[in-house]
Amino acid sequence: MYLRATLTGVSAIVDANGRIKQWTSTEEAETLFDDVPLLELWSLYPLIGDILPQGALIFILVALWQRRRSIVDGDSRDELTPNEA
């Protein structure tokens, strides 16, 4: 089931196959009632949550910190000429 609720325009109840079960008109205020089953699908997200984006953020911050530290210490690869490398 899919619910589409809008303040202006058409609100509707659509089943999993895309068939519109009920809809409202745009002319007057209406209320729709229907039983909506919850999806019972397995997903990896409840187990790991936001660990992937958080891990990526930590990796980027550590890489930036190490780059800044190497530039401050005079260890920057940007300063090397092709003959010195």
N, C-alpha and C. Protein backbone atom coordinates (compact mmCIF):
# COMPACT_ATOMS: atom_id res chain seq x y z
N MET A 1 0.83 -1.19 0.00
CA MET A 1 0.00 0.00 0.00
C MET A 1 0.87 1.25 0.00
N TYR A 2 0.37 2.24 -0.60
CA TYR A 2 1.06 3.52 -0.68
C TYR A 2 0.04 4.60 -0.42
N LEU A 3 0.39 5.51 0.47
CA LEU A 3 -0.49 6.64 0.76
C LEU A 3 0.15 7.89 0.20
N ARG A 4 -0.66 8.67 -0.49
CA ARG A 4 -0.18 9.95 -1.01
C ARG A 4 -1.12 11.01 -0.48
N ALA A 5 -0.61 11.80 0.47
CA ALA A 5 -1.44 12.83 1.08
C ALA A 5 -0.90 14.20 0.69
N THR A 6 -1.78 15.06 0.24
CA THR A 6 -1.39 16.41 -0.15
C THR A 6 -2.35 17.42 0.46
N LEU A 7 -1.87 18.61 0.66
CA LEU A 7 -2.74 19.68 1.15
C LEU A 7 -3.51 20.31 0.00
N THR A 8 -2.91 20.32 -1.17
CA THR A 8 -3.60 20.81 -2.36
C THR A 8 -3.46 19.75 -3.44
N GLY A 9 -4.49 19.45 -4.13
CA GLY A 9 -4.43 18.44 -5.17
C GLY A 9 -5.12 17.17 -4.74
N VAL A 10 -4.73 16.06 -5.33
CA VAL A 10 -5.39 14.78 -5.11
C VAL A 10 -4.60 13.94 -4.12
N SER A 11 -5.29 13.43 -3.09
CA SER A 11 -4.71 12.44 -2.19
C SER A 11 -5.25 11.08 -2.61
N ALA A 12 -4.47 10.02 -2.41
CA ALA A 12 -4.90 8.71 -2.90
C ALA A 12 -4.34 7.59 -2.05
N ILE A 13 -4.98 6.44 -2.15
CA ILE A 13 -4.49 5.19 -1.58
C ILE A 13 -4.24 4.26 -2.76
N VAL A 14 -2.98 3.82 -2.88
CA VAL A 14 -2.56 3.02 -4.02
C VAL A 14 -2.03 1.69 -3.50
N ASP A 15 -2.43 0.55 -4.13
CA ASP A 15 -1.94 -0.74 -3.65
C ASP A 15 -0.54 -1.02 -4.19
N ALA A 16 0.03 -2.15 -3.81
CA ALA A 16 1.40 -2.49 -4.16
C ALA A 16 1.60 -2.67 -5.67
N ASN A 17 0.54 -2.93 -6.40
CA ASN A 17 0.64 -3.11 -7.86
C ASN A 17 0.39 -1.82 -8.62
N GLY A 18 0.19 -0.72 -7.91
CA GLY A 18 -0.01 0.56 -8.57
C GLY A 18 -1.45 0.90 -8.88
N ARG A 19 -2.38 0.06 -8.44
CA ARG A 19 -3.79 0.34 -8.68
C ARG A 19 -4.30 1.33 -7.63
N ILE A 20 -5.00 2.35 -8.08
CA ILE A 20 -5.56 3.35 -7.17
C ILE A 20 -6.83 2.77 -6.56
N LYS A 21 -6.83 2.64 -5.23
CA LYS A 21 -8.00 2.08 -4.53
C LYS A 21 -9.01 3.17 -4.21
N GLN A 22 -8.52 4.31 -3.75
CA GLN A 22 -9.39 5.44 -3.42
C GLN A 22 -8.63 6.73 -3.73
N TRP A 23 -9.37 7.77 -4.05
CA TRP A 23 -8.75 9.07 -4.25
C TRP A 23 -9.75 10.16 -3.93
N THR A 24 -9.21 11.33 -3.70
CA THR A 24 -10.06 12.47 -3.36
C THR A 24 -10.16 13.40 -4.56
N SER A 25 -11.16 14.24 -4.52
CA SER A 25 -11.28 15.25 -5.58
C SER A 25 -10.54 16.51 -5.14
N THR A 26 -10.36 17.41 -6.06
CA THR A 26 -9.69 18.66 -5.73
C THR A 26 -10.69 19.75 -5.36
N GLU A 27 -11.96 19.43 -5.45
CA GLU A 27 -13.00 20.44 -5.25
C GLU A 27 -13.37 20.66 -3.78
N GLU A 28 -13.31 19.60 -2.97
CA GLU A 28 -13.76 19.72 -1.57
C GLU A 28 -12.85 18.93 -0.65
N ALA A 29 -12.90 19.25 0.64
CA ALA A 29 -12.09 18.54 1.64
C ALA A 29 -12.67 17.15 1.86
N GLU A 30 -11.81 16.16 1.85
CA GLU A 30 -12.26 14.77 2.04
C GLU A 30 -11.28 14.03 2.94
N THR A 31 -11.76 12.94 3.53
CA THR A 31 -10.94 12.07 4.36
C THR A 31 -11.06 10.66 3.84
N LEU A 32 -9.94 9.97 3.68
CA LEU A 32 -9.93 8.58 3.22
C LEU A 32 -9.58 7.66 4.38
N PHE A 33 -10.26 6.53 4.46
CA PHE A 33 -9.97 5.52 5.47
C PHE A 33 -9.74 4.19 4.78
N ASP A 34 -8.70 3.48 5.19
CA ASP A 34 -8.42 2.14 4.67
C ASP A 34 -7.40 1.47 5.57
N ASP A 35 -7.38 0.16 5.57
CA ASP A 35 -6.37 -0.59 6.31
C ASP A 35 -5.11 -0.65 5.46
N VAL A 36 -4.00 -0.27 6.06
CA VAL A 36 -2.72 -0.27 5.35
C VAL A 36 -1.79 -1.24 6.06
N PRO A 37 -1.45 -2.37 5.41
CA PRO A 37 -0.54 -3.32 6.06
C PRO A 37 0.88 -2.79 6.07
N LEU A 38 1.63 -3.13 7.10
CA LEU A 38 3.03 -2.74 7.17
C LEU A 38 3.86 -3.71 6.36
N LEU A 39 4.91 -3.20 5.73
CA LEU A 39 5.81 -4.05 4.97
C LEU A 39 6.63 -4.90 5.94
N GLU A 40 6.79 -6.15 5.61
CA GLU A 40 7.57 -7.06 6.45
C GLU A 40 8.76 -7.57 5.65
N LEU A 41 9.59 -6.65 5.18
CA LEU A 41 10.77 -7.01 4.42
C LEU A 41 12.00 -6.93 5.31
N TRP A 42 12.97 -7.79 5.03
CA TRP A 42 14.23 -7.75 5.76
C TRP A 42 15.14 -6.75 5.10
N SER A 43 15.85 -6.01 5.92
CA SER A 43 16.79 -5.02 5.40
C SER A 43 18.04 -5.02 6.26
N LEU A 44 19.15 -4.69 5.64
CA LEU A 44 20.42 -4.61 6.36
C LEU A 44 20.49 -3.36 7.23
N TYR A 45 19.74 -2.33 6.87
CA TYR A 45 19.81 -1.04 7.56
C TYR A 45 19.54 -1.15 9.07
N PRO A 46 18.52 -1.91 9.53
CA PRO A 46 18.33 -1.99 10.99
C PRO A 46 19.52 -2.58 11.74
N LEU A 47 20.33 -3.40 11.06
CA LEU A 47 21.49 -3.99 11.71
C LEU A 47 22.68 -3.04 11.77
N ILE A 48 22.96 -2.34 10.66
CA ILE A 48 24.16 -1.50 10.63
C ILE A 48 23.86 -0.02 10.72
N GLY A 49 22.64 0.37 10.44
CA GLY A 49 22.26 1.78 10.56
C GLY A 49 23.09 2.68 9.67
N ASP A 50 23.54 3.79 10.22
CA ASP A 50 24.28 4.78 9.46
C ASP A 50 25.79 4.59 9.57
N ILE A 51 26.24 3.36 9.80
CA ILE A 51 27.67 3.14 10.02
C ILE A 51 28.48 3.40 8.75
N LEU A 52 27.95 3.11 7.57
CA LEU A 52 28.71 3.34 6.34
C LEU A 52 28.97 4.83 6.09
N PRO A 53 27.95 5.70 6.11
CA PRO A 53 28.26 7.12 5.91
C PRO A 53 29.09 7.71 7.05
N GLN A 54 28.88 7.25 8.27
CA GLN A 54 29.67 7.74 9.40
C GLN A 54 31.12 7.31 9.26
N GLY A 55 31.34 6.07 8.82
CA GLY A 55 32.69 5.58 8.60
C GLY A 55 33.39 6.35 7.49
N ALA A 56 32.65 6.66 6.43
CA ALA A 56 33.22 7.45 5.33
C ALA A 56 33.60 8.85 5.81
N LEU A 57 32.75 9.44 6.62
CA LEU A 57 33.05 10.77 7.16
C LEU A 57 34.31 10.73 8.03
N ILE A 58 34.43 9.74 8.88
CA ILE A 58 35.62 9.60 9.73
C ILE A 58 36.85 9.40 8.86
N PHE A 59 36.75 8.57 7.83
CA PHE A 59 37.88 8.33 6.93
C PHE A 59 38.32 9.64 6.26
N ILE A 60 37.39 10.41 5.76
CA ILE A 60 37.70 11.68 5.09
C ILE A 60 38.35 12.66 6.07
N LEU A 61 37.80 12.75 7.28
CA LEU A 61 38.37 13.67 8.27
C LEU A 61 39.79 13.27 8.66
N VAL A 62 40.03 11.98 8.84
CA VAL A 62 41.38 11.52 9.18
C VAL A 62 42.33 11.79 8.02
N ALA A 63 41.90 11.55 6.79
CA ALA A 63 42.76 11.80 5.63
C ALA A 63 43.09 13.29 5.52
N LEU A 64 42.11 14.15 5.73
CA LEU A 64 42.37 15.59 5.68
C LEU A 64 43.31 16.03 6.80
N TRP A 65 43.12 15.45 7.99
CA TRP A 65 43.98 15.79 9.13
C TRP A 65 45.42 15.37 8.85
N GLN A 66 45.60 14.17 8.31
CA GLN A 66 46.96 13.70 8.01
C GLN A 66 47.59 14.55 6.91
N ARG A 67 46.83 14.93 5.91
CA ARG A 67 47.36 15.79 4.84
C ARG A 67 47.79 17.13 5.40
N ARG A 68 46.95 17.70 6.26
CA ARG A 68 47.28 19.00 6.87
C ARG A 68 48.55 18.87 7.70
N ARG A 69 48.66 17.79 8.45
CA ARG A 69 49.83 17.56 9.30
C ARG A 69 51.09 17.41 8.47
N SER A 70 51.00 16.71 7.34
CA SER A 70 52.19 16.52 6.50
C SER A 70 52.59 17.83 5.83
N ILE A 71 51.64 18.68 5.49
CA ILE A 71 51.96 19.98 4.89
C ILE A 71 52.62 20.88 5.92
N VAL A 72 52.12 20.89 7.15
CA VAL A 72 52.68 21.72 8.21
C VAL A 72 54.10 21.27 8.56
N ASP A 73 54.35 19.97 8.53
CA ASP A 73 55.67 19.43 8.85
C ASP A 73 56.66 19.58 7.69
N GLY A 74 56.22 20.09 6.55
CA GLY A 74 57.10 20.26 5.41
C GLY A 74 57.32 18.98 4.64
N ASP A 75 56.43 18.05 4.77
CA ASP A 75 56.55 16.74 4.15
C ASP A 75 55.65 16.62 2.92
N SER A 76 55.25 17.74 2.35
CA SER A 76 54.25 17.74 1.29
C SER A 76 54.82 17.22 -0.02
N ARG A 77 54.10 16.36 -0.69
CA ARG A 77 54.50 15.83 -1.99
C ARG A 77 54.27 16.87 -3.09
N ASP A 78 53.44 17.88 -2.81
CA ASP A 78 53.15 18.93 -3.79
C ASP A 78 54.40 19.74 -4.11
N GLU A 79 55.35 19.81 -3.19
CA GLU A 79 56.52 20.64 -3.35
C GLU A 79 57.63 19.95 -4.14
N LEU A 80 57.52 18.65 -4.39
CA LEU A 80 58.57 17.91 -5.09
C LEU A 80 58.49 18.17 -6.59
N THR A 81 59.64 18.32 -7.21
CA THR A 81 59.69 18.44 -8.66
C THR A 81 59.83 17.05 -9.23
N PRO A 82 59.58 16.85 -10.51
CA PRO A 82 59.67 15.49 -11.11
C PRO A 82 61.05 14.88 -10.94
N ASN A 83 62.14 15.69 -10.92
CA ASN A 83 63.49 15.15 -10.76
C ASN A 83 63.75 14.65 -9.35
N GLU A 84 63.05 15.23 -8.36
CA GLU A 84 63.26 14.83 -6.97
C GLU A 84 62.46 13.60 -6.61
N ALA A 85 61.42 13.30 -7.34
CA ALA A 85 60.54 12.18 -6.99
C ALA A 85 61.13 10.89 -7.34
